[in-house]
Amino acid sequence: MEMVYYGCGIFVFAAFITDIRTMRIPNLLSLSAMISGLIVHLVMDGIQGILMSISGLATGFGMMFVLYLFGAVGAGDVKIFGGIGAWTGVLFTVQAMVYSIIIAGAIGFIILLWKKQAVQRLGKTILYITGRIVPGIVPSSSDHTYHPIKEGLRFPFMIAVLPGFISVCGLYYL
C-alpha cells in the first residue's frame, strides 16, 4: 500500500512545480493522476480496489468543486484532488484537503500581515457579513463594492497542498 502514496506523491510534486511556475495545473497531469490511480487499484485489488478509487476520486473532485464554485480554488486544484482521491481513497483525501486548507489559511494570513492588510480586510469582511445578516445595520457610507471572495488573495494552492499531503502521509507512517 505504501507504493500508492509514493505514486500519488509524484503527481502532487509535479502539480506543485507547475502551479508554482505558472499558477496552473495542466489537465494532462490531473487526468493522468486520475486514470493511473484507477488502474493501479484495479490491478492491485480488482473490483473492490476500483470502487475505492472511484469513491476517492468523486470525493476529492466533488468537495474541491464546491470550493471552486465559491472562487476559493482553481479548476486545476479540483482536478488534482480528484487524482489524489483516485490514488489514496476517501479518508486520506479528506484529511489531505483539511490539512491543505488549514495551511493555506495560515499562508494567506501571513501574506496579509506582510502586506499590512490583515486588519483592513478583516474589518471589511465583518462589515460585509453583518450587512448580509442584518440589512440596514451597516452605515451607508461604508464600501458596498467590497466582496471578500472577489477581493481574494491569490497564491498557488499547491504551496499548501504539498505540505498537507506530506503531513497526512506522516500520520499513516508514524
Protein backbone atom coordinates (compact mmCIF):
# COMPACT_ATOMS: atom_id res chain seq x y z
CA MET A 1 0.00 0.00 0.00
CA GLU A 2 3.00 2.29 0.56
CA MET A 3 3.53 2.36 -3.21
CA VAL A 4 0.17 4.12 -3.61
CA TYR A 5 1.36 7.12 -1.58
CA TYR A 6 4.66 7.32 -3.46
CA GLY A 7 2.85 7.12 -6.80
CA CYS A 8 0.40 9.82 -5.78
CA GLY A 9 3.25 11.89 -4.35
CA ILE A 10 4.88 12.07 -7.77
CA PHE A 11 1.75 13.67 -9.20
CA VAL A 12 1.39 16.03 -6.23
CA PHE A 13 5.02 17.15 -6.56
CA ALA A 14 4.63 17.66 -10.33
CA ALA A 15 1.48 19.72 -9.72
CA PHE A 16 3.37 21.72 -7.08
CA ILE A 17 6.14 22.57 -9.56
CA THR A 18 3.77 23.57 -12.37
CA ASP A 19 1.48 25.56 -10.05
CA ILE A 20 4.44 27.50 -8.63
CA ARG A 21 5.77 28.30 -12.10
CA THR A 22 2.55 29.07 -13.97
CA MET A 23 -0.37 29.24 -11.46
CA ARG A 24 -1.86 26.37 -13.48
CA ILE A 25 -2.06 22.60 -13.15
CA PRO A 26 -2.19 21.05 -16.63
CA ASN A 27 -5.18 18.86 -17.49
CA LEU A 28 -2.82 16.16 -18.77
CA LEU A 29 -1.22 15.90 -15.33
CA SER A 30 -4.55 15.78 -13.47
CA LEU A 31 -6.14 13.30 -15.85
CA SER A 32 -3.01 11.12 -15.72
CA ALA A 33 -3.24 11.11 -11.92
CA MET A 34 -6.92 10.11 -12.03
CA ILE A 35 -6.55 7.38 -14.66
CA SER A 36 -3.36 5.89 -13.23
CA GLY A 37 -4.89 5.80 -9.74
CA LEU A 38 -7.90 3.92 -11.07
CA ILE A 39 -5.69 1.48 -12.99
CA VAL A 40 -3.35 0.83 -10.05
CA HIS A 41 -6.25 -0.01 -7.75
CA LEU A 42 -7.95 -2.17 -10.37
CA VAL A 43 -4.75 -4.18 -10.83
CA MET A 44 -3.97 -4.39 -7.09
CA ASP A 45 -7.43 -5.10 -5.66
CA GLY A 46 -9.79 -5.78 -8.56
CA ILE A 47 -13.37 -4.54 -8.38
CA GLN A 48 -13.12 -3.59 -4.71
CA GLY A 49 -10.00 -1.55 -5.45
CA ILE A 50 -11.51 0.36 -8.34
CA LEU A 51 -14.66 1.09 -6.33
CA MET A 52 -12.46 2.51 -3.54
CA SER A 53 -10.57 4.53 -6.14
CA ILE A 54 -13.74 5.86 -7.78
CA SER A 55 -15.18 6.91 -4.42
CA GLY A 56 -11.92 8.72 -3.57
CA LEU A 57 -11.89 10.43 -6.96
CA ALA A 58 -15.50 11.55 -6.58
CA THR A 59 -14.90 12.80 -3.04
CA GLY A 60 -11.76 14.76 -3.89
CA PHE A 61 -13.23 16.22 -7.05
CA GLY A 62 -16.65 16.91 -5.52
CA MET A 63 -15.50 18.61 -2.34
CA MET A 64 -12.99 20.78 -4.18
CA PHE A 65 -15.61 21.61 -6.82
CA VAL A 66 -17.73 23.20 -4.09
CA LEU A 67 -14.75 25.38 -3.13
CA TYR A 68 -14.24 26.19 -6.81
CA LEU A 69 -17.85 27.38 -7.08
CA PHE A 70 -17.14 29.86 -4.27
CA GLY A 71 -13.97 31.04 -6.01
CA ALA A 72 -11.66 29.66 -3.31
CA VAL A 73 -9.61 27.38 -5.58
CA GLY A 74 -8.90 26.98 -9.27
CA ALA A 75 -10.14 24.27 -11.62
CA GLY A 76 -6.72 22.60 -11.66
CA ASP A 77 -6.89 22.17 -7.89
CA VAL A 78 -10.27 20.46 -8.26
CA LYS A 79 -8.92 18.00 -10.81
CA ILE A 80 -5.68 17.22 -8.99
CA PHE A 81 -7.67 16.40 -5.85
CA GLY A 82 -9.69 14.00 -7.99
CA GLY A 83 -6.36 12.36 -8.82
CA ILE A 84 -5.29 12.32 -5.18
CA GLY A 85 -8.60 10.67 -4.34
CA ALA A 86 -8.19 8.07 -7.10
CA TRP A 87 -4.80 7.11 -5.67
CA THR A 88 -5.48 7.29 -1.93
CA GLY A 89 -9.21 6.86 -1.29
CA VAL A 90 -11.75 8.91 0.64
CA LEU A 91 -10.26 9.19 4.12
CA PHE A 92 -6.75 10.18 3.07
CA THR A 93 -8.13 12.67 0.52
CA VAL A 94 -10.39 14.39 3.04
CA GLN A 95 -7.55 14.57 5.56
CA ALA A 96 -5.17 15.99 2.94
CA MET A 97 -7.81 18.54 1.95
CA VAL A 98 -8.41 19.67 5.54
CA TYR A 99 -4.67 19.99 6.24
CA SER A 100 -4.17 21.86 2.95
CA ILE A 101 -6.97 24.32 3.71
CA ILE A 102 -5.61 25.00 7.20
CA ILE A 103 -2.11 25.55 5.80
CA ALA A 104 -3.50 27.78 3.02
CA GLY A 105 -5.32 29.88 5.63
CA ALA A 106 -2.10 30.31 7.60
CA ILE A 107 -0.18 31.24 4.43
CA GLY A 108 -2.87 33.74 3.44
CA PHE A 109 -2.85 35.32 6.88
CA ILE A 110 0.95 35.63 6.82
CA ILE A 111 0.79 37.28 3.39
CA LEU A 112 -1.86 39.72 4.62
CA LEU A 113 0.27 40.57 7.65
CA TRP A 114 3.28 41.01 5.40
CA LYS A 115 1.29 43.38 3.17
CA LYS A 116 -0.23 45.04 6.26
CA GLN A 117 -3.76 44.39 5.00
CA ALA A 118 -4.99 41.92 7.61
CA VAL A 119 -6.85 44.38 9.86
CA GLN A 120 -8.33 46.31 6.93
CA ARG A 121 -9.64 43.15 5.21
CA LEU A 122 -10.92 41.70 8.47
CA GLY A 123 -12.88 44.89 9.17
CA LYS A 124 -14.34 44.98 5.66
CA THR A 125 -15.28 41.29 5.88
CA ILE A 126 -17.02 41.81 9.24
CA LEU A 127 -18.99 44.74 7.79
CA TYR A 128 -19.86 42.67 4.72
CA ILE A 129 -21.14 39.71 6.77
CA THR A 130 -23.01 41.97 9.21
CA GLY A 131 -24.66 43.80 6.32
CA ARG A 132 -25.81 40.48 4.84
CA ILE A 133 -27.17 39.14 8.14
CA VAL A 134 -28.90 42.34 9.28
CA PRO A 135 -29.63 44.59 6.29
CA GLY A 136 -29.51 48.29 7.10
CA ILE A 137 -27.25 47.94 10.13
CA VAL A 138 -24.09 48.88 8.21
CA PRO A 139 -23.73 52.65 7.73
CA SER A 140 -24.50 53.86 4.22
CA SER A 141 -21.05 55.42 3.98
CA SER A 142 -19.34 52.01 4.10
CA ASP A 143 -17.93 50.45 0.96
CA HIS A 144 -20.73 48.41 -0.69
CA THR A 145 -18.49 47.25 -3.51
CA TYR A 146 -16.35 45.04 -1.26
CA HIS A 147 -16.85 41.32 -1.64
CA PRO A 148 -14.45 39.03 0.29
CA ILE A 149 -14.24 36.36 -2.41
CA LYS A 150 -13.85 38.78 -5.32
CA GLU A 151 -11.16 40.63 -3.36
CA GLY A 152 -9.47 37.31 -2.62
CA LEU A 153 -5.81 36.76 -2.06
CA ARG A 154 -4.32 34.63 -4.82
CA PHE A 155 -1.38 32.27 -4.46
CA PRO A 156 -0.69 28.77 -5.81
CA PHE A 157 -2.78 26.41 -3.66
CA MET A 158 -0.24 23.63 -4.19
CA ILE A 159 2.04 25.56 -1.80
CA ALA A 160 -0.38 24.36 0.87
CA VAL A 161 -1.30 21.01 -0.69
CA LEU A 162 2.23 19.59 -0.77
CA PRO A 163 2.86 20.04 2.98
CA GLY A 164 -0.74 18.92 3.67
CA PHE A 165 -0.17 15.76 1.65
CA ILE A 166 3.17 15.09 3.35
CA SER A 167 1.61 15.66 6.80
CA VAL A 168 -1.13 13.12 6.15
CA CYS A 169 1.45 10.63 4.84
CA GLY A 170 3.23 11.13 8.17
CA LEU A 171 0.05 10.21 10.03
CA TYR A 172 -0.05 6.89 8.21
CA TYR A 173 3.62 6.00 8.79
CA LEU A 174 4.38 7.25 12.32
